[in-house]
PDB file of N, CA and C in Angstrom:
ATOM      1  N   MET A   1     -10.976  61.287   4.620  1.00  0.00           N
ATOM      2  CA  MET A   1     -10.360  60.057   4.990  1.00  0.00           C
ATOM      3  C   MET A   1      -9.404  60.559   6.249  1.00  0.00           C
ATOM      4  N   LYS A   2      -9.453  59.513   7.050  1.00  0.00           N
ATOM      5  CA  LYS A   2      -8.347  59.325   8.481  1.00  0.00           C
ATOM      6  C   LYS A   2      -7.029  58.755   7.985  1.00  0.00           C
ATOM      7  N   ILE A   3      -6.295  59.506   7.821  1.00  0.00           N
ATOM      8  CA  ILE A   3      -4.552  59.328   7.564  1.00  0.00           C
ATOM      9  C   ILE A   3      -3.561  59.468   8.469  1.00  0.00           C
ATOM     10  N   ILE A   4      -2.587  58.774   8.618  1.00  0.00           N
ATOM     11  CA  ILE A   4      -1.424  58.911   9.491  1.00  0.00           C
ATOM     12  C   ILE A   4      -0.346  58.728   8.429  1.00  0.00           C
ATOM     13  N   ALA A   5       0.238  60.068   8.464  1.00  0.00           N
ATOM     14  CA  ALA A   5       1.496  60.682   7.644  1.00  0.00           C
ATOM     15  C   ALA A   5       2.758  59.864   8.451  1.00  0.00           C
ATOM     16  N   ASP A   6       3.610  58.961   7.532  1.00  0.00           N
ATOM     17  CA  ASP A   6       4.716  58.578   8.322  1.00  0.00           C
ATOM     18  C   ASP A   6       5.886  59.972   8.496  1.00  0.00           C
ATOM     19  N   GLU A   7       6.746  60.153   8.678  1.00  0.00           N
ATOM     20  CA  GLU A   7       8.139  61.092   8.574  1.00  0.00           C
ATOM     21  C   GLU A   7       8.719  61.111   7.528  1.00  0.00           C
ATOM     22  N   SER A   8       8.567  59.934   6.726  1.00  0.00           N
ATOM     23  CA  SER A   8       9.073  60.056   5.420  1.00  0.00           C
ATOM     24  C   SER A   8       8.131  60.803   4.273  1.00  0.00           C
ATOM     25  N   VAL A   9       6.787  61.266   4.740  1.00  0.00           N
ATOM     26  CA  VAL A   9       6.051  61.676   3.943  1.00  0.00           C
ATOM     27  C   VAL A   9       6.479  63.120   4.074  1.00  0.00           C
ATOM     28  N   GLU A  10       6.620  63.931   2.514  1.00  0.00           N
ATOM     29  CA  GLU A  10       7.404  64.969   2.962  1.00  0.00           C
ATOM     30  C   GLU A  10       6.147  65.818   3.315  1.00  0.00           C
ATOM     31  N   LYS A  11       5.988  67.297   3.987  1.00  0.00           N
ATOM     32  CA  LYS A  11       5.218  68.087   4.876  1.00  0.00           C
ATOM     33  C   LYS A  11       4.261  68.528   3.581  1.00  0.00           C
ATOM     34  N   PRO A  12       5.011  69.094   2.261  1.00  0.00           N
ATOM     35  CA  PRO A  12       4.036  69.343   1.492  1.00  0.00           C
ATOM     36  C   PRO A  12       2.654  68.516   0.864  1.00  0.00           C
ATOM     37  N   ILE A  13       3.124  67.415   0.663  1.00  0.00           N
ATOM     38  CA  ILE A  13       1.868  66.666   0.667  1.00  0.00           C
ATOM     39  C   ILE A  13       1.149  66.629   1.911  1.00  0.00           C
ATOM     40  N   VAL A  14       1.643  66.554   3.023  1.00  0.00           N
ATOM     41  CA  VAL A  14       0.908  66.637   4.055  1.00  0.00           C
ATOM     42  C   VAL A  14      -0.455  67.704   4.146  1.00  0.00           C
ATOM     43  N   ASP A  15       0.391  68.944   3.874  1.00  0.00           N
ATOM     44  CA  ASP A  15      -0.420  69.829   4.014  1.00  0.00           C
ATOM     45  C   ASP A  15      -1.360  69.961   2.807  1.00  0.00           C
ATOM     46  N   SER A  16      -1.350  69.477   1.852  1.00  0.00           N
ATOM     47  CA  SER A  16      -1.828  69.643   0.402  1.00  0.00           C
ATOM     48  C   SER A  16      -3.276  68.314   0.645  1.00  0.00           C
ATOM     49  N   LEU A  17      -3.129  67.309   1.746  1.00  0.00           N
ATOM     50  CA  LEU A  17      -4.032  66.392   1.836  1.00  0.00           C
ATOM     51  C   LEU A  17      -4.972  67.213   3.075  1.00  0.00           C
ATOM     52  N   ARG A  18      -4.396  67.703   3.898  1.00  0.00           N
ATOM     53  CA  ARG A  18      -4.940  68.786   5.143  1.00  0.00           C
ATOM     54  C   ARG A  18      -6.243  69.820   4.140  1.00  0.00           C
ATOM     55  N   ALA A  19      -5.614  70.576   3.038  1.00  0.00           N
ATOM     56  CA  ALA A  19      -6.390  71.387   2.223  1.00  0.00           C
ATOM     57  C   ALA A  19      -7.599  70.497   1.586  1.00  0.00           C
ATOM     58  N   ASP A  20      -7.469  69.538   1.623  1.00  0.00           N
ATOM     59  CA  ASP A  20      -8.477  68.866   0.761  1.00  0.00           C
ATOM     60  C   ASP A  20      -9.604  67.830   1.685  1.00  0.00           C
ATOM     61  N   ASP A  21      -9.271  68.774   2.749  1.00  0.00           N
ATOM     62  CA  ASP A  21     -10.106  68.103   4.570  1.00  0.00           C
ATOM     63  C   ASP A  21     -10.076  66.618   4.739  1.00  0.00           C
ATOM     64  N   HIS A  22      -8.921  65.924   4.624  1.00  0.00           N
ATOM     65  CA  HIS A  22      -8.523  64.594   4.973  1.00  0.00           C
ATOM     66  C   HIS A  22      -7.977  65.080   6.516  1.00  0.00           C
ATOM     67  N   GLU A  23      -8.430  64.054   7.227  1.00  0.00           N
ATOM     68  CA  GLU A  23      -7.792  64.371   8.927  1.00  0.00           C
ATOM     69  C   GLU A  23      -6.594  63.506   8.649  1.00  0.00           C
ATOM     70  N   VAL A  24      -5.223  64.266   9.241  1.00  0.00           N
ATOM     71  CA  VAL A  24      -3.715  63.882   8.772  1.00  0.00           C
ATOM     72  C   VAL A  24      -3.624  64.147  10.232  1.00  0.00           C
ATOM     73  N   TYR A  25      -2.661  62.993  10.606  1.00  0.00           N
ATOM     74  CA  TYR A  25      -1.935  63.103  11.654  1.00  0.00           C
ATOM     75  C   TYR A  25      -0.309  62.815  11.495  1.00  0.00           C
ATOM     76  N   TYR A  26       0.264  63.979  11.729  1.00  0.00           N
ATOM     77  CA  TYR A  26       1.682  63.841  10.833  1.00  0.00           C
ATOM     78  C   TYR A  26       2.307  63.232  12.271  1.00  0.00           C
ATOM     79  N   ILE A  27       3.558  62.287  11.964  1.00  0.00           N
ATOM     80  CA  ILE A  27       4.056  61.921  12.448  1.00  0.00           C
ATOM     81  C   ILE A  27       5.705  62.666  13.040  1.00  0.00           C
ATOM     82  N   LEU A  28       5.712  62.901  12.145  1.00  0.00           N
ATOM     83  CA  LEU A  28       6.962  64.376  11.979  1.00  0.00           C
ATOM     84  C   LEU A  28       6.951  65.620  13.164  1.00  0.00           C
ATOM     85  N   GLU A  29       5.474  65.824  13.328  1.00  0.00           N
ATOM     86  CA  GLU A  29       4.836  66.776  14.161  1.00  0.00           C
ATOM     87  C   GLU A  29       4.498  66.398  15.644  1.00  0.00           C
ATOM     88  N   GLU A  30       4.053  64.839  15.885  1.00  0.00           N
ATOM     89  CA  GLU A  30       3.485  64.453  17.134  1.00  0.00           C
ATOM     90  C   GLU A  30       4.500  63.614  17.798  1.00  0.00           C
ATOM     91  N   ASN A  31       5.259  62.336  17.156  1.00  0.00           N
ATOM     92  CA  ASN A  31       6.164  61.527  17.659  1.00  0.00           C
ATOM     93  C   ASN A  31       7.261  61.532  16.844  1.00  0.00           C
ATOM     94  N   ARG A  32       7.877  62.260  16.491  1.00  0.00           N
ATOM     95  CA  ARG A  32       9.075  62.308  15.962  1.00  0.00           C
ATOM     96  C   ARG A  32      10.046  61.410  16.475  1.00  0.00           C
ATOM     97  N   GLY A  33      10.781  60.673  15.552  1.00  0.00           N
ATOM     98  CA  GLY A  33      11.904  59.658  15.915  1.00  0.00           C
ATOM     99  C   GLY A  33      11.250  57.939  16.137  1.00  0.00           C
ATOM    100  N   ILE A  34       9.824  57.925  16.449  1.00  0.00           N
ATOM    101  CA  ILE A  34       9.457  56.656  16.893  1.00  0.00           C
ATOM    102  C   ILE A  34       9.649  55.574  15.919  1.00  0.00           C
ATOM    103  N   ALA A  35       9.180  54.409  16.372  1.00  0.00           N
ATOM    104  CA  ALA A  35       9.836  52.972  15.649  1.00  0.00           C
ATOM    105  C   ALA A  35       8.472  52.877  14.677  1.00  0.00           C
ATOM    106  N   ASP A  36       9.185  52.397  13.964  1.00  0.00           N
ATOM    107  CA  ASP A  36       8.194  52.269  12.640  1.00  0.00           C
ATOM    108  C   ASP A  36       6.678  51.007  13.135  1.00  0.00           C
ATOM    109  N   GLU A  37       7.070  50.142  14.063  1.00  0.00           N
ATOM    110  CA  GLU A  37       6.081  49.365  14.863  1.00  0.00           C
ATOM    111  C   GLU A  37       5.033  50.099  15.667  1.00  0.00           C
ATOM    112  N   LYS A  38       5.583  51.076  15.881  1.00  0.00           N
ATOM    113  CA  LYS A  38       4.690  51.657  16.993  1.00  0.00           C
ATOM    114  C   LYS A  38       4.091  53.092  16.103  1.00  0.00           C
ATOM    115  N   VAL A  39       4.578  53.580  14.866  1.00  0.00           N
ATOM    116  CA  VAL A  39       3.864  54.013  13.953  1.00  0.00           C
ATOM    117  C   VAL A  39       2.590  53.559  13.202  1.00  0.00           C
ATOM    118  N   LEU A  40       2.708  51.985  12.818  1.00  0.00           N
ATOM    119  CA  LEU A  40       2.004  51.063  12.370  1.00  0.00           C
ATOM    120  C   LEU A  40       0.569  51.181  13.744  1.00  0.00           C
ATOM    121  N   LYS A  41       0.986  50.936  15.015  1.00  0.00           N
ATOM    122  CA  LYS A  41       0.019  50.992  15.667  1.00  0.00           C
ATOM    123  C   LYS A  41      -0.605  52.050  16.102  1.00  0.00           C
ATOM    124  N   ILE A  42      -0.130  53.358  15.789  1.00  0.00           N
ATOM    125  CA  ILE A  42      -1.293  54.748  16.016  1.00  0.00           C
ATOM    126  C   ILE A  42      -2.204  54.398  15.006  1.00  0.00           C
ATOM    127  N   SER A  43      -1.369  53.947  13.605  1.00  0.00           N
ATOM    128  CA  SER A  43      -2.393  54.033  12.703  1.00  0.00           C
ATOM    129  C   SER A  43      -3.634  52.885  13.256  1.00  0.00           C
ATOM    130  N   TYR A  44      -3.533  51.751  13.312  1.00  0.00           N
ATOM    131  CA  TYR A  44      -4.341  50.873  13.770  1.00  0.00           C
ATOM    132  C   TYR A  44      -5.500  51.368  14.684  1.00  0.00           C
ATOM    133  N   LEU A  45      -4.627  51.772  15.774  1.00  0.00           N
ATOM    134  CA  LEU A  45      -5.865  52.269  16.889  1.00  0.00           C
ATOM    135  C   LEU A  45      -6.344  53.561  16.471  1.00  0.00           C
ATOM    136  N   LYS A  46      -5.904  54.467  15.528  1.00  0.00           N
ATOM    137  CA  LYS A  46      -6.576  55.601  14.865  1.00  0.00           C
ATOM    138  C   LYS A  46      -7.754  55.507  13.708  1.00  0.00           C
ATOM    139  N   ASN A  47      -7.571  53.945  13.377  1.00  0.00           N
ATOM    140  CA  ASN A  47      -8.677  53.367  12.485  1.00  0.00           C
ATOM    141  C   ASN A  47      -8.118  54.116  11.129  1.00  0.00           C
ATOM    142  N   SER A  48      -6.800  54.449  10.865  1.00  0.00           N
ATOM    143  CA  SER A  48      -6.494  55.313   9.966  1.00  0.00           C
ATOM    144  C   SER A  48      -5.402  54.494   8.798  1.00  0.00           C
ATOM    145  N   ILE A  49      -5.456  54.995   7.611  1.00  0.00           N
ATOM    146  CA  ILE A  49      -4.592  53.987   6.385  1.00  0.00           C
ATOM    147  C   ILE A  49      -3.453  54.987   7.154  1.00  0.00           C
ATOM    148  N   LEU A  50      -2.103  54.272   6.378  1.00  0.00           N
ATOM    149  CA  LEU A  50      -0.766  54.934   6.973  1.00  0.00           C
ATOM    150  C   LEU A  50      -0.350  55.436   5.449  1.00  0.00           C
ATOM    151  N   LEU A  51      -0.172  56.250   5.262  1.00  0.00           N
ATOM    152  CA  LEU A  51       0.867  57.166   4.362  1.00  0.00           C
ATOM    153  C   LEU A  51       2.345  57.172   4.571  1.00  0.00           C
ATOM    154  N   THR A  52       3.093  56.522   3.780  1.00  0.00           N
ATOM    155  CA  THR A  52       4.583  56.245   3.861  1.00  0.00           C
ATOM    156  C   THR A  52       5.312  56.374   2.882  1.00  0.00           C
ATOM    157  N   ALA A  53       6.538  56.394   2.717  1.00  0.00           N
ATOM    158  CA  ALA A  53       7.624  56.501   1.415  1.00  0.00           C
ATOM    159  C   ALA A  53       8.445  55.208   2.099  1.00  0.00           C
ATOM    160  N   ASP A  54       8.308  54.970   3.149  1.00  0.00           N
ATOM    161  CA  ASP A  54       9.228  54.039   3.905  1.00  0.00           C
ATOM    162  C   ASP A  54       9.275  52.367   3.569  1.00  0.00           C
ATOM    163  N   LYS A  55       9.929  51.509   2.958  1.00  0.00           N
ATOM    164  CA  LYS A  55       9.482  50.337   2.390  1.00  0.00           C
ATOM    165  C   LYS A  55       9.533  49.203   3.359  1.00  0.00           C
ATOM    166  N   ASP A  56       9.976  49.990   4.449  1.00  0.00           N
ATOM    167  CA  ASP A  56      10.044  49.018   5.681  1.00  0.00           C
ATOM    168  C   ASP A  56       8.625  48.328   6.108  1.00  0.00           C
ATOM    169  N   PHE A  57       7.693  49.373   6.280  1.00  0.00           N
ATOM    170  CA  PHE A  57       6.309  48.914   6.427  1.00  0.00           C
ATOM    171  C   PHE A  57       5.594  47.841   5.626  1.00  0.00           C
ATOM    172  N   GLY A  58       6.157  47.374   4.623  1.00  0.00           N
ATOM    173  CA  GLY A  58       5.751  46.398   3.513  1.00  0.00           C
ATOM    174  C   GLY A  58       6.443  44.824   4.291  1.00  0.00           C
ATOM    175  N   GLU A  59       7.382  45.207   4.741  1.00  0.00           N
ATOM    176  CA  GLU A  59       7.834  43.983   5.834  1.00  0.00           C
ATOM    177  C   GLU A  59       7.296  43.627   7.144  1.00  0.00           C
ATOM    178  N   ILE A  60       7.145  44.478   7.681  1.00  0.00           N
ATOM    179  CA  ILE A  60       6.053  44.840   8.953  1.00  0.00           C
ATOM    180  C   ILE A  60       4.472  43.805   8.915  1.00  0.00           C
ATOM    181  N   VAL A  61       3.983  44.446   7.473  1.00  0.00           N
ATOM    182  CA  VAL A  61       2.760  43.803   7.442  1.00  0.00           C
ATOM    183  C   VAL A  61       2.945  42.666   6.754  1.00  0.00           C
ATOM    184  N   PHE A  62       3.486  42.366   5.733  1.00  0.00           N
ATOM    185  CA  PHE A  62       3.558  40.730   5.199  1.00  0.00           C
ATOM    186  C   PHE A  62       4.076  39.580   5.857  1.00  0.00           C
ATOM    187  N   ARG A  63       5.217  40.016   6.534  1.00  0.00           N
ATOM    188  CA  ARG A  63       6.061  39.019   7.013  1.00  0.00           C
ATOM    189  C   ARG A  63       5.569  39.027   8.711  1.00  0.00           C
ATOM    190  N   GLN A  64       5.884  39.967   9.306  1.00  0.00           N
ATOM    191  CA  GLN A  64       5.505  40.007  10.503  1.00  0.00           C
ATOM    192  C   GLN A  64       3.844  40.067  11.115  1.00  0.00           C
ATOM    193  N   LYS A  65       3.210  40.390  10.182  1.00  0.00           N
ATOM    194  CA  LYS A  65       1.492  40.391  10.483  1.00  0.00           C
ATOM    195  C   LYS A  65       1.224  41.678  11.330  1.00  0.00           C
ATOM    196  N   GLY A  66       1.399  42.448  10.894  1.00  0.00           N
ATOM    197  CA  GLY A  66       1.095  43.938  11.619  1.00  0.00           C
ATOM    198  C   GLY A  66       0.184  44.513  11.308  1.00  0.00           C
ATOM    199  N   ASN A  67      -0.492  44.465  12.281  1.00  0.00           N
ATOM    200  CA  ASN A  67      -2.435  44.882  12.057  1.00  0.00           C
ATOM    201  C   ASN A  67      -2.422  46.289  11.751  1.00  0.00           C
ATOM    202  N   ASN A  68      -3.429  46.754  10.823  1.00  0.00           N
ATOM    203  CA  ASN A  68      -3.305  47.833  10.289  1.00  0.00           C
ATOM    204  C   ASN A  68      -4.738  48.064   9.392  1.00  0.00           C
ATOM    205  N   HIS A  69      -4.827  48.932   9.004  1.00  0.00           N
ATOM    206  CA  HIS A  69      -6.288  49.486   8.373  1.00  0.00           C
ATOM    207  C   HIS A  69      -5.862  49.896   6.826  1.00  0.00           C
ATOM    208  N   GLY A  70      -5.016  49.689   6.252  1.00  0.00           N
ATOM    209  CA  GLY A  70      -4.103  50.012   4.916  1.00  0.00           C
ATOM    210  C   GLY A  70      -2.850  50.918   4.776  1.00  0.00           C
ATOM    211  N   ILE A  71      -2.105  50.247   4.150  1.00  0.00           N
ATOM    212  CA  ILE A  71      -0.870  51.264   3.990  1.00  0.00           C
ATOM    213  C   ILE A  71      -0.759  51.879   2.598  1.00  0.00           C
ATOM    214  N   VAL A  72      -0.501  53.151   2.367  1.00  0.00           N
ATOM    215  CA  VAL A  72      -0.301  53.369   1.095  1.00  0.00           C
ATOM    216  C   VAL A  72       1.450  54.079   0.954  1.00  0.00           C
ATOM    217  N   LEU A  73       1.822  53.241  -0.075  1.00  0.00           N
ATOM    218  CA  LEU A  73       3.822  53.583   0.094  1.00  0.00           C
ATOM    219  C   LEU A  73       3.466  54.153  -1.107  1.00  0.00           C
ATOM    220  N   ILE A  74       4.387  55.620  -0.906  1.00  0.00           N
ATOM    221  CA  ILE A  74       4.487  56.267  -2.214  1.00  0.00           C
ATOM    222  C   ILE A  74       6.442  56.285  -2.579  1.00  0.00           C
ATOM    223  N   ARG A  75       6.131  55.722  -3.796  1.00  0.00           N
ATOM    224  CA  ARG A  75       7.569  55.755  -4.817  1.00  0.00           C
ATOM    225  C   ARG A  75       7.207  56.356  -5.611  1.00  0.00           C
ATOM    226  N   LEU A  76       8.077  57.915  -5.527  1.00  0.00           N
ATOM    227  CA  LEU A  76       7.900  59.040  -6.463  1.00  0.00           C
ATOM    228  C   LEU A  76       8.756  59.796  -6.744  1.00  0.00           C
ATOM    229  N   SER A  77      10.154  59.036  -6.484  1.00  0.00           N
ATOM    230  CA  SER A  77      11.333  59.538  -6.580  1.00  0.00           C
ATOM    231  C   SER A  77      11.876  60.180  -8.313  1.00  0.00           C
ATOM    232  N   GLY A  78      12.377  61.467  -8.124  1.00  0.00           N
ATOM    233  CA  GLY A  78      12.725  61.968  -9.213  1.00  0.00           C
ATOM    234  C   GLY A  78      11.689  62.969  -9.781  1.00  0.00           C
ATOM    235  N   LEU A  79      10.272  62.850  -9.263  1.00  0.00           N
ATOM    236  CA  LEU A  79       9.307  63.962  -9.569  1.00  0.00           C
ATOM    237  C   LEU A  79       9.174  65.113  -8.271  1.00  0.00           C
ATOM    238  N   SER A  80       9.056  66.162  -9.172  1.00  0.00           N
ATOM    239  CA  SER A  80       9.069  67.592  -8.427  1.00  0.00           C
ATOM    240  C   SER A  80       8.093  67.168  -7.247  1.00  0.00           C
ATOM    241  N   ILE A  81       8.074  68.402  -6.079  1.00  0.00           N
ATOM    242  CA  ILE A  81       7.164  67.954  -5.088  1.00  0.00           C
ATOM    243  C   ILE A  81       5.704  68.371  -5.762  1.00  0.00           C
ATOM    244  N   LYS A  82       5.564  69.362  -6.520  1.00  0.00           N
ATOM    245  CA  LYS A  82       4.275  69.727  -7.125  1.00  0.00           C
ATOM    246  C   LYS A  82       3.935  68.216  -7.966  1.00  0.00           C
ATOM    247  N   GLN A  83       4.995  67.664  -8.785  1.00  0.00           N
ATOM    248  CA  GLN A  83       4.186  66.419  -9.257  1.00  0.00           C
ATOM    249  C   GLN A  83       3.428  65.598  -8.254  1.00  0.00           C
ATOM    250  N   LYS A  84       4.713  64.997  -7.118  1.00  0.00           N
ATOM    251  CA  LYS A  84       4.386  64.328  -5.891  1.00  0.00           C
ATOM    252  C   LYS A  84       2.738  64.182  -5.420  1.00  0.00           C
ATOM    253  N   ILE A  85       2.858  66.004  -5.327  1.00  0.00           N
ATOM    254  CA  ILE A  85       1.661  66.237  -4.529  1.00  0.00           C
ATOM    255  C   ILE A  85       0.152  65.899  -5.392  1.00  0.00           C
ATOM    256  N   HIS A  86       0.179  66.134  -6.779  1.00  0.00           N
ATOM    257  CA  HIS A  86      -0.717  66.016  -7.884  1.00  0.00           C
ATOM    258  C   HIS A  86      -1.108  64.446  -7.984  1.00  0.00           C
ATOM    259  N   THR A  87      -0.167  63.763  -7.602  1.00  0.00           N
ATOM    260  CA  THR A  87      -0.133  62.240  -7.976  1.00  0.00           C
ATOM    261  C   THR A  87      -0.728  61.519  -7.020  1.00  0.00           C
ATOM    262  N   VAL A  88      -0.262  61.899  -6.006  1.00  0.00           N
ATOM    263  CA  VAL A  88      -0.951  61.618  -4.533  1.00  0.00           C
ATOM    264  C   VAL A  88      -2.228  61.662  -4.119  1.00  0.00           C
ATOM    265  N   ARG A  89      -2.681  63.115  -4.391  1.00  0.00           N
ATOM    266  CA  ARG A  89      -4.000  63.565  -4.152  1.00  0.00           C
ATOM    267  C   ARG A  89      -4.829  62.939  -5.311  1.00  0.00           C
ATOM    268  N   ASN A  90      -4.161  62.766  -6.450  1.00  0.00           N
ATOM    269  CA  ASN A  90      -5.365  61.615  -7.403  1.00  0.00           C
ATOM    270  C   ASN A  90      -5.268  60.552  -7.130  1.00  0.00           C
ATOM    271  N   ALA A  91      -4.273  59.752  -6.812  1.00  0.00           N
ATOM    272  CA  ALA A  91      -4.393  58.584  -6.322  1.00  0.00           C
ATOM    273  C   ALA A  91      -5.735  58.046  -5.123  1.00  0.00           C
ATOM    274  N   LEU A  92      -5.372  59.176  -3.957  1.00  0.00           N
ATOM    275  CA  LEU A  92      -6.508  58.647  -2.667  1.00  0.00           C
ATOM    276  C   LEU A  92      -7.909  59.446  -3.384  1.00  0.00           C
ATOM    277  N   THR A  93      -7.836  60.443  -4.177  1.00  0.00           N
ATOM    278  CA  THR A  93      -9.236  60.417  -4.813  1.00  0.00           C
ATOM    279  C   THR A  93      -9.797  59.500  -5.334  1.00  0.00           C
ATOM    280  N   ARG A  94      -8.966  59.078  -6.427  1.00  0.00           N
ATOM    281  CA  ARG A  94      -9.018  57.906  -7.393  1.00  0.00           C
ATOM    282  C   ARG A  94      -9.763  56.637  -6.489  1.00  0.00           C
ATOM    283  N   HIS A  95      -9.023  56.006  -5.658  1.00  0.00           N
ATOM    284  CA  HIS A  95      -9.113  54.800  -4.838  1.00  0.00           C
ATOM    285  C   HIS A  95      -9.134  54.911  -3.473  1.00  0.00           C
ATOM    286  N   HIS A  96     -10.140  56.010  -3.068  1.00  0.00           N
ATOM    287  CA  HIS A  96     -10.207  56.466  -1.762  1.00  0.00           C
ATOM    288  C   HIS A  96     -10.862  54.865  -1.087  1.00  0.00           C
ATOM    289  N   ASP A  97     -11.745  54.499  -1.229  1.00  0.00           N
ATOM    290  CA  ASP A  97     -12.182  53.028  -0.704  1.00  0.00           C
ATOM    291  C   ASP A  97     -11.433  51.769  -1.049  1.00  0.00           C
ATOM    292  N   GLU A  98     -10.845  51.814  -2.068  1.00  0.00           N
ATOM    293  CA  GLU A  98      -9.948  50.582  -2.410  1.00  0.00           C
ATOM    294  C   GLU A  98      -8.673  50.480  -1.435  1.00  0.00           C
ATOM    295  N   VAL A  99      -7.691  51.677  -1.226  1.00  0.00           N
ATOM    296  CA  VAL A  99      -6.792  51.441  -0.205  1.00  0.00           C
ATOM    297  C   VAL A  99      -6.921  50.946   1.227  1.00  0.00           C
ATOM    298  N   LYS A 100      -8.178  51.287   1.665  1.00  0.00           N
ATOM    299  CA  LYS A 100      -8.603  50.910   2.938  1.00  0.00           C
ATOM    300  C   LYS A 100      -8.600  49.326   3.008  1.00  0.00           C
ATOM    301  N   ASN A 101      -7.754  48.985   3.937  1.00  0.00           N
ATOM    302  CA  ASN A 101      -7.026  47.516   4.164  1.00  0.00           C
ATOM    303  C   ASN A 101      -6.682  46.702   3.350  1.00  0.00           C
ATOM    304  N   HIS A 102      -6.035  47.278   2.309  1.00  0.00           N
ATOM    305  CA  HIS A 102      -4.877  47.018   1.371  1.00  0.00           C
ATOM    306  C   HIS A 102      -3.402  47.507   1.405  1.00  0.00           C
ATOM    307  N   PHE A 103      -2.435  46.852   0.880  1.00  0.00           N
ATOM    308  CA  PHE A 103      -1.073  47.735   0.802  1.00  0.00           C
ATOM    309  C   PHE A 103      -1.360  48.027  -0.602  1.00  0.00           C
ATOM    310  N   SER A 104      -0.962  49.558  -0.698  1.00  0.00           N
ATOM    311  CA  SER A 104      -0.783  50.010  -1.989  1.00  0.00           C
ATOM    312  C   SER A 104       0.140  50.671  -2.223  1.00  0.00           C
ATOM    313  N   VAL A 105       0.919  50.909  -3.549  1.00  0.00           N
ATOM    314  CA  VAL A 105       1.935  51.576  -3.798  1.00  0.00           C
ATOM    315  C   VAL A 105       1.708  52.348  -5.132  1.00  0.00           C
ATOM    316  N   ILE A 106       1.815  54.016  -4.486  1.00  0.00           N
ATOM    317  CA  ILE A 106       1.676  55.043  -5.671  1.00  0.00           C
ATOM    318  C   ILE A 106       3.049  54.940  -6.243  1.00  0.00           C
ATOM    319  N   SER A 107       3.059  54.807  -7.892  1.00  0.00           N
ATOM    320  CA  SER A 107       4.041  55.210  -8.725  1.00  0.00           C
ATOM    321  C   SER A 107       3.603  56.133  -9.710  1.00  0.00           C
ATOM    322  N   LYS A 108       4.896  56.552 -10.233  1.00  0.00           N
ATOM    323  CA  LYS A 108       4.702  57.413 -11.423  1.00  0.00           C
ATOM    324  C   LYS A 108       3.519  57.647 -12.419  1.00  0.00           C
ATOM    325  N   THR A 109       3.420  56.442 -12.627  1.00  0.00           N
ATOM    326  CA  THR A 109       2.109  55.913 -13.657  1.00  0.00           C
ATOM    327  C   THR A 109       0.887  55.191 -13.487  1.00  0.00           C
ATOM    328  N   HIS A 110       0.848  54.786 -12.036  1.00  0.00           N
ATOM    329  CA  HIS A 110      -0.148  53.778 -11.883  1.00  0.00           C
ATOM    330  C   HIS A 110      -0.237  53.963 -10.429  1.00  0.00           C
ATOM    331  N   ILE A 111      -0.722  53.177  -9.626  1.00  0.00           N
ATOM    332  CA  ILE A 111      -1.395  52.434  -8.143  1.00  0.00           C
ATOM    333  C   ILE A 111      -1.620  51.281  -8.119  1.00  0.00           C
ATOM    334  N   ARG A 112      -0.819  50.438  -7.724  1.00  0.00           N
ATOM    335  CA  ARG A 112      -0.946  49.104  -7.440  1.00  0.00           C
ATOM    336  C   ARG A 112      -1.424  48.750  -6.090  1.00  0.00           C
ATOM    337  N   ILE A 113      -2.656  47.615  -5.994  1.00  0.00           N
ATOM    338  CA  ILE A 113      -3.567  47.632  -4.597  1.00  0.00           C
ATOM    339  C   ILE A 113      -3.416  46.259  -4.385  1.00  0.00           C
ATOM    340  N   ILE A 114      -2.800  45.463  -3.493  1.00  0.00           N
ATOM    341  CA  ILE A 114      -2.670  44.642  -2.864  1.00  0.00           C
ATOM    342  C   ILE A 114      -3.464  44.312  -1.808  1.00  0.00           C
ATOM    343  N   LYS A 115      -3.975  43.147  -1.857  1.00  0.00           N
ATOM    344  CA  LYS A 115      -5.231  42.493  -0.976  1.00  0.00           C
ATOM    345  C   LYS A 115      -4.280  42.136   0.224  1.00  0.00           C
ATOM    346  N   LEU A 116      -4.611  42.334   1.509  1.00  0.00           N
ATOM    347  CA  LEU A 116      -3.669  41.803   2.718  1.00  0.00           C
ATOM    348  C   LEU A 116      -4.315  40.947   3.545  1.00  0.00           C
TER     349      LEU A 116
END
């Protein structure tokens, strides 16, 4: 899976996805500090889903109709990094095809997938 990981995604999560052979472009490494709209544009141009912990992307997509190929919002506060890694990896493995072109929210207990 091709993924753009926003700056808000913790590096160990990015590292684990790369170890699973996902192609991950990490904004923190490549374009630190750019605006959310530019992050979304990069993910669209690279035909990738956007992985983020930043709720602002919901606003951009639903209200401003920003172009995208799918956004996955991580909402896992209170979990250890090991638990976060497990939860994100599990959700992306189980819902690989479903998250494309949808807005998905990964929480502690489930993943919610919303059609765009």
